[in-house]
């Protein structure tokens, strides 16, 4: 066994009766991260998450691009949650510019954010199914995710990386038949969640794999500063949409699911319940948008600056054609912080301007960057085959942490 590579795991003896196992980054159950574990038999005594395999210097790259160009760059940290990761950046720019989006633009942003949130959770469930050897869950979740990916494409014109929010508004209005499409998707997904409960979350085999595994106590969750469904599964009711509402979340009716157990099963249930809440928000958003047809998606002062041809395109199609001047615009000197709630938790942006055409400083802290630490503290004491269950329940996304 010593020195051998087994299914992507490099194993070597470090001392008598203790083995060091390198899981990943090529291991099919690890993603782009290596977890170094030390084993006494098959019991983990130490775990060290080794991140950085897909680091892309996105913060520094954002500082050498004009203000709008970091938007399509930053959303590639989490392609499956593109609007949730870019809205706070745009919010920070709006603070510096002292500009607010029209209500319709804010509702459209929230609509896309919740569509992305559902797709993100379904992606996580699919990967979780792979980790647990549940191929049906993998195929079902990825198939159902396609429904919401298509919704996002119909709304924005792009399948995954939408670059939808811009300072002061959004790039295009929703199509006329979009509300009915969204309602059909919501009805479909509500029915599917009941089937997910039967084949996965309430499956006795899955419950046995998850219940009491990877427990994060309420105190430990607060001490480590973890975010998103992981902290809410440990009994802490923290969600940026509630704690510091942005866009129009304070005008919507929704709950923040909280569980007390703090184990892998509770983290799974939180995500199921959050999908239900997102479906409700989607319905409320399209209802509001239908009642307020014809309202602008960009501020009047921005509309007045558009040339006649671009105004005609906007009035006919609901699409905003940006000008070269948008790319080279200058933003007043200052500093701004903006927060948002992604599918995996809180994201924070710090943006600083020196009055030029590019950011002086962009700093972003993603939820996966904050959640990665839990592997070090909750994995020891479990058996090696509990690690995939813990990993899947945390819903850690390496490219999001390796920004």
Foldseek 3Di string as FASTA:
>chain_A
DAQDQDQNWGWHDPDPQKIWIWHDPVRPLHDNWIWIFIDNPQFTAFIDIGFQRQFDPLFVVQQPFFLLVSLLVQLVLPLLQSLQRRVQSLVQLCVLQVADAPLLQLLLSLLLNLLSLLLLLLCLQLSLCVLVVNNVSVVVSNVLSQLSLVLNCQAQVDRGNRSFDHNFFGFFGHDPCSLVSLLVSLVVVVVVLVVCCVPALVPPVNCVLWPPALAQAQVNCVVLVAFALLNQQQPDQDFCCPVPNDRCSVVDDFDQRHHNRNILSSLSVNSSRSNNRSSRSSNVSVVVCVVDPPDARGDPVVLVPDPPVQNVCCVVGRGGDDDPCSRFPWGDFDWGKGWGQHSLGIKIWIWGHPRGRGTNGIDIDFNLLSLVVSCRPRRRRDGNSSVSSNCSSSSRDSSNNSD
